[in-house]
Amino acid sequence: MKEHQRLILKIAWHRLPKKDKDAWNIAVRLWNEEESYFRFIESDLPATNNLAEQSIRRVVLNRKVTQGTRSDWGNRWWERIWSVLATCEQQGKSVMEFLKSCVGALIQGRHAPTRLDMP
């Protein structure tokens, strides 16, 4: 893989447009930070940040469709509900069960669960 890495850098360097300052800046950065850019080759790191992109996709689409909120309170509510939805999904827990336990705690005057430690 290291051989391929070197070949990619060599070809990219030789095919740079002569008068494109932005392309030269990117090429110099790639050459200088080579180890950082290609670290995924010899480690367990994913080659892309696709997992992170996927995890926020619904949030971004919701914000686009609803045009966001118009208050700090609304922003905090959306931050929290999206966090609950994502965490429940990651842990294979029921969102409705967690929300029911929160509302039940509120009605009974107890503190709402701060963790997803329910069944």
PDB file of N, CA and C in Angstrom:
ATOM      1  N   MET A   1       0.822  -1.202   0.000  1.00  0.00           N
ATOM      2  CA  MET A   1       0.000   0.000   0.000  1.00  0.00           C
ATOM      3  C   MET A   1       0.864   1.264   0.000  1.00  0.00           C
ATOM      4  N   LYS A   2       1.989   1.186   0.703  1.00  0.00           N
ATOM      5  CA  LYS A   2       2.883   2.354   0.733  1.00  0.00           C
ATOM      6  C   LYS A   2       3.371   2.688  -0.682  1.00  0.00           C
ATOM      7  N   GLU A   3       3.604   1.654  -1.481  1.00  0.00           N
ATOM      8  CA  GLU A   3       4.041   1.866  -2.862  1.00  0.00           C
ATOM      9  C   GLU A   3       2.968   2.606  -3.660  1.00  0.00           C
ATOM     10  N   HIS A   4       1.726   2.215  -3.459  1.00  0.00           N
ATOM     11  CA  HIS A   4       0.609   2.895  -4.124  1.00  0.00           C
ATOM     12  C   HIS A   4       0.491   4.338  -3.651  1.00  0.00           C
ATOM     13  N   GLN A   5       0.694   4.526  -2.370  1.00  0.00           N
ATOM     14  CA  GLN A   5       0.649   5.879  -1.806  1.00  0.00           C
ATOM     15  C   GLN A   5       1.677   6.770  -2.487  1.00  0.00           C
ATOM     16  N   ARG A   6       2.890   6.304  -2.569  1.00  0.00           N
ATOM     17  CA  ARG A   6       3.959   7.079  -3.218  1.00  0.00           C
ATOM     18  C   ARG A   6       3.623   7.367  -4.680  1.00  0.00           C
ATOM     19  N   LEU A   7       3.083   6.361  -5.370  1.00  0.00           N
ATOM     20  CA  LEU A   7       2.728   6.524  -6.777  1.00  0.00           C
ATOM     21  C   LEU A   7       1.633   7.575  -6.946  1.00  0.00           C
ATOM     22  N   ILE A   8       0.636   7.543  -6.072  1.00  0.00           N
ATOM     23  CA  ILE A   8      -0.452   8.534  -6.111  1.00  0.00           C
ATOM     24  C   ILE A   8       0.119   9.939  -5.943  1.00  0.00           C
ATOM     25  N   LEU A   9       0.979  10.096  -4.952  1.00  0.00           N
ATOM     26  CA  LEU A   9       1.567  11.419  -4.714  1.00  0.00           C
ATOM     27  C   LEU A   9       2.424  11.880  -5.895  1.00  0.00           C
ATOM     28  N   LYS A  10       3.204  10.967  -6.446  1.00  0.00           N
ATOM     29  CA  LYS A  10       4.078  11.314  -7.569  1.00  0.00           C
ATOM     30  C   LYS A  10       3.260  11.744  -8.790  1.00  0.00           C
ATOM     31  N   ILE A  11       2.237  10.960  -9.127  1.00  0.00           N
ATOM     32  CA  ILE A  11       1.390  11.300 -10.283  1.00  0.00           C
ATOM     33  C   ILE A  11       0.665  12.615 -10.035  1.00  0.00           C
ATOM     34  N   ALA A  12       0.110  12.771  -8.838  1.00  0.00           N
ATOM     35  CA  ALA A  12      -0.606  14.019  -8.526  1.00  0.00           C
ATOM     36  C   ALA A  12       0.330  15.219  -8.640  1.00  0.00           C
ATOM     37  N   TRP A  13       1.547  15.080  -8.167  1.00  0.00           N
ATOM     38  CA  TRP A  13       2.503  16.180  -8.197  1.00  0.00           C
ATOM     39  C   TRP A  13       2.864  16.575  -9.630  1.00  0.00           C
ATOM     40  N   HIS A  14       3.025  15.573 -10.492  1.00  0.00           N
ATOM     41  CA  HIS A  14       3.442  15.842 -11.873  1.00  0.00           C
ATOM     42  C   HIS A  14       2.295  16.323 -12.759  1.00  0.00           C
ATOM     43  N   ARG A  15       1.078  16.132 -12.341  1.00  0.00           N
ATOM     44  CA  ARG A  15      -0.080  16.553 -13.148  1.00  0.00           C
ATOM     45  C   ARG A  15      -0.711  17.857 -12.654  1.00  0.00           C
ATOM     46  N   LEU A  16      -0.030  18.560 -11.804  1.00  0.00           N
ATOM     47  CA  LEU A  16      -0.572  19.818 -11.280  1.00  0.00           C
ATOM     48  C   LEU A  16      -0.682  20.869 -12.375  1.00  0.00           C
ATOM     49  N   PRO A  17      -1.801  21.576 -12.427  1.00  0.00           N
ATOM     50  CA  PRO A  17      -1.897  22.698 -13.363  1.00  0.00           C
ATOM     51  C   PRO A  17      -0.873  23.768 -12.965  1.00  0.00           C
ATOM     52  N   LYS A  18      -0.116  24.238 -13.911  1.00  0.00           N
ATOM     53  CA  LYS A  18       1.006  25.149 -13.635  1.00  0.00           C
ATOM     54  C   LYS A  18       0.583  26.466 -12.975  1.00  0.00           C
ATOM     55  N   LYS A  19      -0.568  26.997 -13.345  1.00  0.00           N
ATOM     56  CA  LYS A  19      -0.947  28.336 -12.864  1.00  0.00           C
ATOM     57  C   LYS A  19      -2.108  28.316 -11.866  1.00  0.00           C
ATOM     58  N   ASP A  20      -2.395  27.175 -11.302  1.00  0.00           N
ATOM     59  CA  ASP A  20      -3.506  27.076 -10.353  1.00  0.00           C
ATOM     60  C   ASP A  20      -2.954  27.088  -8.927  1.00  0.00           C
ATOM     61  N   LYS A  21      -2.991  28.261  -8.299  1.00  0.00           N
ATOM     62  CA  LYS A  21      -2.422  28.433  -6.962  1.00  0.00           C
ATOM     63  C   LYS A  21      -3.090  27.523  -5.932  1.00  0.00           C
ATOM     64  N   ASP A  22      -4.426  27.390  -6.010  1.00  0.00           N
ATOM     65  CA  ASP A  22      -5.146  26.542  -5.058  1.00  0.00           C
ATOM     66  C   ASP A  22      -4.713  25.084  -5.181  1.00  0.00           C
ATOM     67  N   ALA A  23      -4.553  24.602  -6.414  1.00  0.00           N
ATOM     68  CA  ALA A  23      -4.116  23.223  -6.630  1.00  0.00           C
ATOM     69  C   ALA A  23      -2.721  23.020  -6.052  1.00  0.00           C
ATOM     70  N   TRP A  24      -1.837  23.990  -6.232  1.00  0.00           N
ATOM     71  CA  TRP A  24      -0.472  23.899  -5.684  1.00  0.00           C
ATOM     72  C   TRP A  24      -0.505  23.901  -4.160  1.00  0.00           C
ATOM     73  N   ASN A  25      -1.346  24.727  -3.570  1.00  0.00           N
ATOM     74  CA  ASN A  25      -1.453  24.761  -2.102  1.00  0.00           C
ATOM     75  C   ASN A  25      -1.909  23.410  -1.551  1.00  0.00           C
ATOM     76  N   ILE A  26      -2.894  22.812  -2.225  1.00  0.00           N
ATOM     77  CA  ILE A  26      -3.388  21.500  -1.789  1.00  0.00           C
ATOM     78  C   ILE A  26      -2.292  20.450  -1.950  1.00  0.00           C
ATOM     79  N   ALA A  27      -1.579  20.494  -3.076  1.00  0.00           N
ATOM     80  CA  ALA A  27      -0.517  19.515  -3.326  1.00  0.00           C
ATOM     81  C   ALA A  27       0.595  19.627  -2.286  1.00  0.00           C
ATOM     82  N   VAL A  28       0.984  20.832  -1.958  1.00  0.00           N
ATOM     83  CA  VAL A  28       2.040  21.033  -0.954  1.00  0.00           C
ATOM     84  C   VAL A  28       1.572  20.519   0.404  1.00  0.00           C
ATOM     85  N   ARG A  29       0.322  20.814   0.758  1.00  0.00           N
ATOM     86  CA  ARG A  29      -0.219  20.339   2.033  1.00  0.00           C
ATOM     87  C   ARG A  29      -0.262  18.811   2.059  1.00  0.00           C
ATOM     88  N   LEU A  30      -0.700  18.209   0.954  1.00  0.00           N
ATOM     89  CA  LEU A  30      -0.756  16.755   0.864  1.00  0.00           C
ATOM     90  C   LEU A  30       0.647  16.161   1.008  1.00  0.00           C
ATOM     91  N   TRP A  31       1.617  16.760   0.345  1.00  0.00           N
ATOM     92  CA  TRP A  31       2.987  16.257   0.407  1.00  0.00           C
ATOM     93  C   TRP A  31       3.566  16.398   1.820  1.00  0.00           C
ATOM     94  N   ASN A  32       3.334  17.550   2.448  1.00  0.00           N
ATOM     95  CA  ASN A  32       3.877  17.805   3.786  1.00  0.00           C
ATOM     96  C   ASN A  32       3.185  16.990   4.879  1.00  0.00           C
ATOM     97  N   GLU A  33       1.905  16.723   4.689  1.00  0.00           N
ATOM     98  CA  GLU A  33       1.117  16.017   5.706  1.00  0.00           C
ATOM     99  C   GLU A  33       0.765  14.600   5.262  1.00  0.00           C
ATOM    100  N   GLU A  34       1.605  14.044   4.441  1.00  0.00           N
ATOM    101  CA  GLU A  34       1.360  12.731   3.837  1.00  0.00           C
ATOM    102  C   GLU A  34       0.959  11.670   4.860  1.00  0.00           C
ATOM    103  N   GLU A  35       1.676  11.590   5.951  1.00  0.00           N
ATOM    104  CA  GLU A  35       1.386  10.554   6.954  1.00  0.00           C
ATOM    105  C   GLU A  35      -0.013  10.698   7.537  1.00  0.00           C
ATOM    106  N   SER A  36      -0.433  11.922   7.752  1.00  0.00           N
ATOM    107  CA  SER A  36      -1.766  12.152   8.304  1.00  0.00           C
ATOM    108  C   SER A  36      -2.858  11.759   7.313  1.00  0.00           C
ATOM    109  N   TYR A  37      -2.668  12.130   6.062  1.00  0.00           N
ATOM    110  CA  TYR A  37      -3.687  11.853   5.045  1.00  0.00           C
ATOM    111  C   TYR A  37      -3.819  10.367   4.726  1.00  0.00           C
ATOM    112  N   PHE A  38      -2.726   9.618   4.865  1.00  0.00           N
ATOM    113  CA  PHE A  38      -2.743   8.206   4.502  1.00  0.00           C
ATOM    114  C   PHE A  38      -2.676   7.278   5.713  1.00  0.00           C
ATOM    115  N   ARG A  39      -2.923   7.801   6.885  1.00  0.00           N
ATOM    116  CA  ARG A  39      -2.844   7.005   8.112  1.00  0.00           C
ATOM    117  C   ARG A  39      -3.811   5.814   8.089  1.00  0.00           C
ATOM    118  N   PHE A  40      -4.922   5.944   7.420  1.00  0.00           N
ATOM    119  CA  PHE A  40      -5.928   4.879   7.398  1.00  0.00           C
ATOM    120  C   PHE A  40      -5.401   3.598   6.733  1.00  0.00           C
ATOM    121  N   ILE A  41      -4.356   3.709   5.913  1.00  0.00           N
ATOM    122  CA  ILE A  41      -3.832   2.550   5.196  1.00  0.00           C
ATOM    123  C   ILE A  41      -3.283   1.509   6.161  1.00  0.00           C
ATOM    124  N   GLU A  42      -2.592   1.943   7.199  1.00  0.00           N
ATOM    125  CA  GLU A  42      -1.947   0.999   8.113  1.00  0.00           C
ATOM    126  C   GLU A  42      -2.618   0.916   9.481  1.00  0.00           C
ATOM    127  N   SER A  43      -3.826   1.402   9.589  1.00  0.00           N
ATOM    128  CA  SER A  43      -4.519   1.345  10.878  1.00  0.00           C
ATOM    129  C   SER A  43      -5.956   0.901  10.665  1.00  0.00           C
ATOM    130  N   ASP A  44      -6.705   0.889  11.744  1.00  0.00           N
ATOM    131  CA  ASP A  44      -8.116   0.500  11.670  1.00  0.00           C
ATOM    132  C   ASP A  44      -9.032   1.672  11.362  1.00  0.00           C
ATOM    133  N   LEU A  45      -8.456   2.815  11.037  1.00  0.00           N
ATOM    134  CA  LEU A  45      -9.267   3.997  10.743  1.00  0.00           C
ATOM    135  C   LEU A  45      -9.996   3.820   9.423  1.00  0.00           C
ATOM    136  N   PRO A  46     -11.247   4.272   9.343  1.00  0.00           N
ATOM    137  CA  PRO A  46     -11.933   4.239   8.052  1.00  0.00           C
ATOM    138  C   PRO A  46     -11.311   5.266   7.102  1.00  0.00           C
ATOM    139  N   ALA A  47     -11.387   4.984   5.822  1.00  0.00           N
ATOM    140  CA  ALA A  47     -10.799   5.886   4.823  1.00  0.00           C
ATOM    141  C   ALA A  47     -11.621   7.162   4.650  1.00  0.00           C
ATOM    142  N   THR A  48     -12.875   7.132   5.071  1.00  0.00           N
ATOM    143  CA  THR A  48     -13.736   8.306   4.943  1.00  0.00           C
ATOM    144  C   THR A  48     -14.407   8.595   6.278  1.00  0.00           C
ATOM    145  N   ASN A  49     -15.101   9.714   6.348  1.00  0.00           N
ATOM    146  CA  ASN A  49     -15.870  10.032   7.549  1.00  0.00           C
ATOM    147  C   ASN A  49     -17.354   9.761   7.288  1.00  0.00           C
ATOM    148  N   ASN A  50     -17.634   8.785   6.429  1.00  0.00           N
ATOM    149  CA  ASN A  50     -18.998   8.499   6.026  1.00  0.00           C
ATOM    150  C   ASN A  50     -19.903   8.159   7.208  1.00  0.00           C
ATOM    151  N   LEU A  51     -19.392   7.452   8.194  1.00  0.00           N
ATOM    152  CA  LEU A  51     -20.206   7.098   9.361  1.00  0.00           C
ATOM    153  C   LEU A  51     -20.680   8.352  10.096  1.00  0.00           C
ATOM    154  N   ALA A  52     -19.782   9.314  10.255  1.00  0.00           N
ATOM    155  CA  ALA A  52     -20.163  10.581  10.899  1.00  0.00           C
ATOM    156  C   ALA A  52     -21.174  11.328  10.045  1.00  0.00           C
ATOM    157  N   GLU A  53     -20.960  11.334   8.733  1.00  0.00           N
ATOM    158  CA  GLU A  53     -21.894  12.010   7.825  1.00  0.00           C
ATOM    159  C   GLU A  53     -23.286  11.379   7.932  1.00  0.00           C
ATOM    160  N   GLN A  54     -23.335  10.053   7.951  1.00  0.00           N
ATOM    161  CA  GLN A  54     -24.612   9.360   8.041  1.00  0.00           C
ATOM    162  C   GLN A  54     -25.317   9.642   9.361  1.00  0.00           C
ATOM    163  N   SER A  55     -24.544   9.757  10.424  1.00  0.00           N
ATOM    164  CA  SER A  55     -25.159   9.944  11.740  1.00  0.00           C
ATOM    165  C   SER A  55     -25.851  11.304  11.867  1.00  0.00           C
ATOM    166  N   ILE A  56     -25.427  12.298  11.115  1.00  0.00           N
ATOM    167  CA  ILE A  56     -26.081  13.612  11.212  1.00  0.00           C
ATOM    168  C   ILE A  56     -27.003  13.911  10.035  1.00  0.00           C
ATOM    169  N   ARG A  57     -27.120  12.973   9.102  1.00  0.00           N
ATOM    170  CA  ARG A  57     -27.929  13.208   7.900  1.00  0.00           C
ATOM    171  C   ARG A  57     -29.368  13.604   8.224  1.00  0.00           C
ATOM    172  N   ARG A  58     -30.017  12.843   9.113  1.00  0.00           N
ATOM    173  CA  ARG A  58     -31.418  13.151   9.452  1.00  0.00           C
ATOM    174  C   ARG A  58     -31.565  14.527  10.094  1.00  0.00           C
ATOM    175  N   VAL A  59     -30.601  14.878  10.915  1.00  0.00           N
ATOM    176  CA  VAL A  59     -30.643  16.184  11.580  1.00  0.00           C
ATOM    177  C   VAL A  59     -30.555  17.298  10.545  1.00  0.00           C
ATOM    178  N   VAL A  60     -29.643  17.155   9.613  1.00  0.00           N
ATOM    179  CA  VAL A  60     -29.461  18.169   8.574  1.00  0.00           C
ATOM    180  C   VAL A  60     -30.708  18.269   7.701  1.00  0.00           C
ATOM    181  N   LEU A  61     -31.268  17.114   7.310  1.00  0.00           N
ATOM    182  CA  LEU A  61     -32.484  17.133   6.489  1.00  0.00           C
ATOM    183  C   LEU A  61     -33.652  17.772   7.241  1.00  0.00           C
ATOM    184  N   ASN A  62     -33.781  17.434   8.527  1.00  0.00           N
ATOM    185  CA  ASN A  62     -34.850  18.027   9.324  1.00  0.00           C
ATOM    186  C   ASN A  62     -34.703  19.538   9.399  1.00  0.00           C
ATOM    187  N   ARG A  63     -33.494  20.000   9.628  1.00  0.00           N
ATOM    188  CA  ARG A  63     -33.254  21.447   9.718  1.00  0.00           C
ATOM    189  C   ARG A  63     -33.563  22.119   8.390  1.00  0.00           C
ATOM    190  N   LYS A  64     -33.221  21.445   7.290  1.00  0.00           N
ATOM    191  CA  LYS A  64     -33.473  22.011   5.967  1.00  0.00           C
ATOM    192  C   LYS A  64     -34.981  22.106   5.694  1.00  0.00           C
ATOM    193  N   VAL A  65     -35.707  21.047   6.020  1.00  0.00           N
ATOM    194  CA  VAL A  65     -37.151  21.010   5.760  1.00  0.00           C
ATOM    195  C   VAL A  65     -37.902  21.984   6.659  1.00  0.00           C
ATOM    196  N   THR A  66     -37.533  22.029   7.943  1.00  0.00           N
ATOM    197  CA  THR A  66     -38.265  22.869   8.893  1.00  0.00           C
ATOM    198  C   THR A  66     -37.714  24.282   8.970  1.00  0.00           C
ATOM    199  N   GLN A  67     -36.576  24.505   8.329  1.00  0.00           N
ATOM    200  CA  GLN A  67     -35.887  25.802   8.359  1.00  0.00           C
ATOM    201  C   GLN A  67     -35.424  26.163   9.770  1.00  0.00           C
ATOM    202  N   GLY A  68     -35.155  25.139  10.564  1.00  0.00           N
ATOM    203  CA  GLY A  68     -34.597  25.365  11.896  1.00  0.00           C
ATOM    204  C   GLY A  68     -35.586  25.942  12.881  1.00  0.00           C
ATOM    205  N   THR A  69     -35.057  26.477  13.949  1.00  0.00           N
ATOM    206  CA  THR A  69     -35.900  27.086  14.975  1.00  0.00           C
ATOM    207  C   THR A  69     -35.558  28.562  15.074  1.00  0.00           C
ATOM    208  N   ARG A  70     -36.357  29.259  15.849  1.00  0.00           N
ATOM    209  CA  ARG A  70     -36.140  30.693  15.982  1.00  0.00           C
ATOM    210  C   ARG A  70     -35.833  31.106  17.422  1.00  0.00           C
ATOM    211  N   SER A  71     -35.411  30.105  18.212  1.00  0.00           N
ATOM    212  CA  SER A  71     -35.100  30.425  19.611  1.00  0.00           C
ATOM    213  C   SER A  71     -34.026  29.490  20.140  1.00  0.00           C
ATOM    214  N   ASP A  72     -33.364  29.928  21.184  1.00  0.00           N
ATOM    215  CA  ASP A  72     -32.377  29.071  21.840  1.00  0.00           C
ATOM    216  C   ASP A  72     -33.056  27.852  22.455  1.00  0.00           C
ATOM    217  N   TRP A  73     -34.264  28.057  23.007  1.00  0.00           N
ATOM    218  CA  TRP A  73     -35.002  26.950  23.598  1.00  0.00           C
ATOM    219  C   TRP A  73     -35.280  25.886  22.540  1.00  0.00           C
ATOM    220  N   GLY A  74     -35.726  26.296  21.375  1.00  0.00           N
ATOM    221  CA  GLY A  74     -35.998  25.356  20.285  1.00  0.00           C
ATOM    222  C   GLY A  74     -34.741  24.638  19.833  1.00  0.00           C
ATOM    223  N   ASN A  75     -33.642  25.371  19.759  1.00  0.00           N
ATOM    224  CA  ASN A  75     -32.372  24.748  19.377  1.00  0.00           C
ATOM    225  C   ASN A  75     -31.966  23.683  20.384  1.00  0.00           C
ATOM    226  N   ARG A  76     -32.085  24.005  21.687  1.00  0.00           N
ATOM    227  CA  ARG A  76     -31.718  23.033  22.722  1.00  0.00           C
ATOM    228  C   ARG A  76     -32.633  21.811  22.651  1.00  0.00           C
ATOM    229  N   TRP A  77     -33.929  22.006  22.416  1.00  0.00           N
ATOM    230  CA  TRP A  77     -34.854  20.883  22.352  1.00  0.00           C
ATOM    231  C   TRP A  77     -34.466  19.948  21.212  1.00  0.00           C
ATOM    232  N   TRP A  78     -34.228  20.500  20.036  1.00  0.00           N
ATOM    233  CA  TRP A  78     -33.840  19.670  18.890  1.00  0.00           C
ATOM    234  C   TRP A  78     -32.517  18.966  19.144  1.00  0.00           C
ATOM    235  N   GLU A  79     -31.543  19.647  19.736  1.00  0.00           N
ATOM    236  CA  GLU A  79     -30.267  19.008  20.048  1.00  0.00           C
ATOM    237  C   GLU A  79     -30.486  17.785  20.924  1.00  0.00           C
ATOM    238  N   ARG A  80     -31.324  17.942  21.923  1.00  0.00           N
ATOM    239  CA  ARG A  80     -31.542  16.843  22.875  1.00  0.00           C
ATOM    240  C   ARG A  80     -32.341  15.702  22.265  1.00  0.00           C
ATOM    241  N   ILE A  81     -33.387  16.008  21.523  1.00  0.00           N
ATOM    242  CA  ILE A  81     -34.218  14.931  20.969  1.00  0.00           C
ATOM    243  C   ILE A  81     -33.437  14.159  19.905  1.00  0.00           C
ATOM    244  N   TRP A  82     -32.641  14.842  19.095  1.00  0.00           N
ATOM    245  CA  TRP A  82     -31.846  14.138  18.086  1.00  0.00           C
ATOM    246  C   TRP A  82     -30.773  13.292  18.756  1.00  0.00           C
ATOM    247  N   SER A  83     -30.227  13.770  19.846  1.00  0.00           N
ATOM    248  CA  SER A  83     -29.243  12.987  20.581  1.00  0.00           C
ATOM    249  C   SER A  83     -29.871  11.719  21.142  1.00  0.00           C
ATOM    250  N   VAL A  84     -31.076  11.844  21.708  1.00  0.00           N
ATOM    251  CA  VAL A  84     -31.793  10.680  22.240  1.00  0.00           C
ATOM    252  C   VAL A  84     -32.087   9.696  21.114  1.00  0.00           C
ATOM    253  N   LEU A  85     -32.582  10.189  19.992  1.00  0.00           N
ATOM    254  CA  LEU A  85     -32.904   9.301  18.873  1.00  0.00           C
ATOM    255  C   LEU A  85     -31.669   8.546  18.384  1.00  0.00           C
ATOM    256  N   ALA A  86     -30.563   9.253  18.213  1.00  0.00           N
ATOM    257  CA  ALA A  86     -29.342   8.618  17.716  1.00  0.00           C
ATOM    258  C   ALA A  86     -28.793   7.615  18.724  1.00  0.00           C
ATOM    259  N   THR A  87     -28.804   7.971  20.010  1.00  0.00           N
ATOM    260  CA  THR A  87     -28.268   7.079  21.028  1.00  0.00           C
ATOM    261  C   THR A  87     -29.119   5.823  21.157  1.00  0.00           C
ATOM    262  N   CYS A  88     -30.438   5.990  21.147  1.00  0.00           N
ATOM    263  CA  CYS A  88     -31.323   4.822  21.217  1.00  0.00           C
ATOM    264  C   CYS A  88     -31.084   3.905  20.019  1.00  0.00           C
ATOM    265  N   GLU A  89     -30.955   4.485  18.857  1.00  0.00           N
ATOM    266  CA  GLU A  89     -30.715   3.687  17.655  1.00  0.00           C
ATOM    267  C   GLU A  89     -29.388   2.929  17.767  1.00  0.00           C
ATOM    268  N   GLN A  90     -28.334   3.599  18.211  1.00  0.00           N
ATOM    269  CA  GLN A  90     -27.025   2.957  18.334  1.00  0.00           C
ATOM    270  C   GLN A  90     -27.043   1.814  19.339  1.00  0.00           C
ATOM    271  N   GLN A  91     -27.821   1.990  20.405  1.00  0.00           N
ATOM    272  CA  GLN A  91     -27.847   0.982  21.465  1.00  0.00           C
ATOM    273  C   GLN A  91     -28.965  -0.043  21.294  1.00  0.00           C
ATOM    274  N   GLY A  92     -29.763   0.119  20.234  1.00  0.00           N
ATOM    275  CA  GLY A  92     -30.855  -0.812  19.993  1.00  0.00           C
ATOM    276  C   GLY A  92     -31.964  -0.704  21.021  1.00  0.00           C
ATOM    277  N   LYS A  93     -32.137   0.480  21.584  1.00  0.00           N
ATOM    278  CA  LYS A  93     -33.168   0.706  22.609  1.00  0.00           C
ATOM    279  C   LYS A  93     -34.387   1.384  21.966  1.00  0.00           C
ATOM    280  N   SER A  94     -35.507   1.271  22.632  1.00  0.00           N
ATOM    281  CA  SER A  94     -36.742   1.883  22.159  1.00  0.00           C
ATOM    282  C   SER A  94     -36.792   3.359  22.571  1.00  0.00           C
ATOM    283  N   VAL A  95     -36.963   4.218  21.597  1.00  0.00           N
ATOM    284  CA  VAL A  95     -37.083   5.652  21.868  1.00  0.00           C
ATOM    285  C   VAL A  95     -38.327   5.906  22.703  1.00  0.00           C
ATOM    286  N   MET A  96     -39.422   5.265  22.329  1.00  0.00           N
ATOM    287  CA  MET A  96     -40.680   5.488  23.048  1.00  0.00           C
ATOM    288  C   MET A  96     -40.576   5.048  24.508  1.00  0.00           C
ATOM    289  N   GLU A  97     -39.913   3.920  24.759  1.00  0.00           N
ATOM    290  CA  GLU A  97     -39.761   3.466  26.146  1.00  0.00           C
ATOM    291  C   GLU A  97     -38.935   4.463  26.959  1.00  0.00           C
ATOM    292  N   PHE A  98     -37.877   4.982  26.364  1.00  0.00           N
ATOM    293  CA  PHE A  98     -37.061   5.957  27.068  1.00  0.00           C
ATOM    294  C   PHE A  98     -37.862   7.228  27.345  1.00  0.00           C
ATOM    295  N   LEU A  99     -38.578   7.723  26.336  1.00  0.00           N
ATOM    296  CA  LEU A  99     -39.373   8.947  26.535  1.00  0.00           C
ATOM    297  C   LEU A  99     -40.485   8.718  27.553  1.00  0.00           C
ATOM    298  N   LYS A 100     -41.109   7.528  27.529  1.00  0.00           N
ATOM    299  CA  LYS A 100     -42.140   7.212  28.522  1.00  0.00           C
ATOM    300  C   LYS A 100     -41.554   7.219  29.929  1.00  0.00           C
ATOM    301  N   SER A 101     -40.335   6.683  30.075  1.00  0.00           N
ATOM    302  CA  SER A 101     -39.724   6.672  31.410  1.00  0.00           C
ATOM    303  C   SER A 101     -39.409   8.093  31.864  1.00  0.00           C
ATOM    304  N   CYS A 102     -39.044   8.963  30.935  1.00  0.00           N
ATOM    305  CA  CYS A 102     -38.775  10.368  31.286  1.00  0.00           C
ATOM    306  C   CYS A 102     -40.051  11.077  31.725  1.00  0.00           C
ATOM    307  N   VAL A 103     -41.122  10.890  30.961  1.00  0.00           N
ATOM    308  CA  VAL A 103     -42.398  11.537  31.307  1.00  0.00           C
ATOM    309  C   VAL A 103     -42.933  10.964  32.617  1.00  0.00           C
ATOM    310  N   GLY A 104     -42.815   9.649  32.792  1.00  0.00           N
ATOM    311  CA  GLY A 104     -43.257   9.014  34.042  1.00  0.00           C
ATOM    312  C   GLY A 104     -42.514   9.578  35.243  1.00  0.00           C
ATOM    313  N   ALA A 105     -41.237   9.759  35.098  1.00  0.00           N
ATOM    314  CA  ALA A 105     -40.435  10.324  36.193  1.00  0.00           C
ATOM    315  C   ALA A 105     -40.872  11.750  36.495  1.00  0.00           C
ATOM    316  N   LEU A 106     -41.150  12.514  35.470  1.00  0.00           N
ATOM    317  CA  LEU A 106     -41.605  13.896  35.648  1.00  0.00           C
ATOM    318  C   LEU A 106     -42.937  13.935  36.397  1.00  0.00           C
ATOM    319  N   ILE A 107     -43.869  13.085  36.006  1.00  0.00           N
ATOM    320  CA  ILE A 107     -45.189  13.033  36.639  1.00  0.00           C
ATOM    321  C   ILE A 107     -45.074  12.629  38.107  1.00  0.00           C
ATOM    322  N   GLN A 108     -44.175  11.709  38.401  1.00  0.00           N
ATOM    323  CA  GLN A 108     -44.002  11.223  39.770  1.00  0.00           C
ATOM    324  C   GLN A 108     -43.061  12.093  40.598  1.00  0.00           C
ATOM    325  N   GLY A 109     -42.561  13.170  40.013  1.00  0.00           N
ATOM    326  CA  GLY A 109     -41.688  14.079  40.747  1.00  0.00           C
ATOM    327  C   GLY A 109     -40.269  13.568  40.923  1.00  0.00           C
ATOM    328  N   ARG A 110     -39.874  12.574  40.136  1.00  0.00           N
ATOM    329  CA  ARG A 110     -38.512  12.049  40.203  1.00  0.00           C
ATOM    330  C   ARG A 110     -37.670  12.696  39.112  1.00  0.00           C
ATOM    331  N   HIS A 111     -36.369  12.542  39.239  1.00  0.00           N
ATOM    332  CA  HIS A 111     -35.485  13.013  38.180  1.00  0.00           C
ATOM    333  C   HIS A 111     -35.621  12.096  36.975  1.00  0.00           C
ATOM    334  N   ALA A 112     -35.635  12.685  35.804  1.00  0.00           N
ATOM    335  CA  ALA A 112     -35.687  11.891  34.585  1.00  0.00           C
ATOM    336  C   ALA A 112     -34.382  11.131  34.425  1.00  0.00           C
ATOM    337  N   PRO A 113     -34.430   9.977  33.760  1.00  0.00           N
ATOM    338  CA  PRO A 113     -33.188   9.234  33.551  1.00  0.00           C
ATOM    339  C   PRO A 113     -32.184  10.075  32.779  1.00  0.00           C
ATOM    340  N   THR A 114     -30.944  10.024  33.196  1.00  0.00           N
ATOM    341  CA  THR A 114     -29.907  10.766  32.484  1.00  0.00           C
ATOM    342  C   THR A 114     -29.139   9.862  31.546  1.00  0.00           C
ATOM    343  N   ARG A 115     -29.380   8.555  31.673  1.00  0.00           N
ATOM    344  CA  ARG A 115     -28.714   7.586  30.806  1.00  0.00           C
ATOM    345  C   ARG A 115     -29.752   6.637  30.238  1.00  0.00           C
ATOM    346  N   LEU A 116     -29.364   5.940  29.222  1.00  0.00           N
ATOM    347  CA  LEU A 116     -30.246   4.936  28.637  1.00  0.00           C
ATOM    348  C   LEU A 116     -30.008   3.592  29.310  1.00  0.00           C
ATOM    349  N   ASP A 117     -30.273   3.536  30.626  1.00  0.00           N
ATOM    350  CA  ASP A 117     -30.020   2.301  31.366  1.00  0.00           C
ATOM    351  C   ASP A 117     -31.305   1.517  31.596  1.00  0.00           C
ATOM    352  N   MET A 118     -32.271   1.731  30.747  1.00  0.00           N
ATOM    353  CA  MET A 118     -33.523   0.990  30.869  1.00  0.00           C
ATOM    354  C   MET A 118     -33.454  -0.235  29.971  1.00  0.00           C
ATOM    355  N   PRO A 119     -34.382  -1.171  30.113  1.00  0.00           N
ATOM    356  CA  PRO A 119     -34.337  -2.401  29.311  1.00  0.00           C
ATOM    357  C   PRO A 119     -34.477  -2.147  27.827  1.00  0.00           C
TER     358      PRO A 119
END
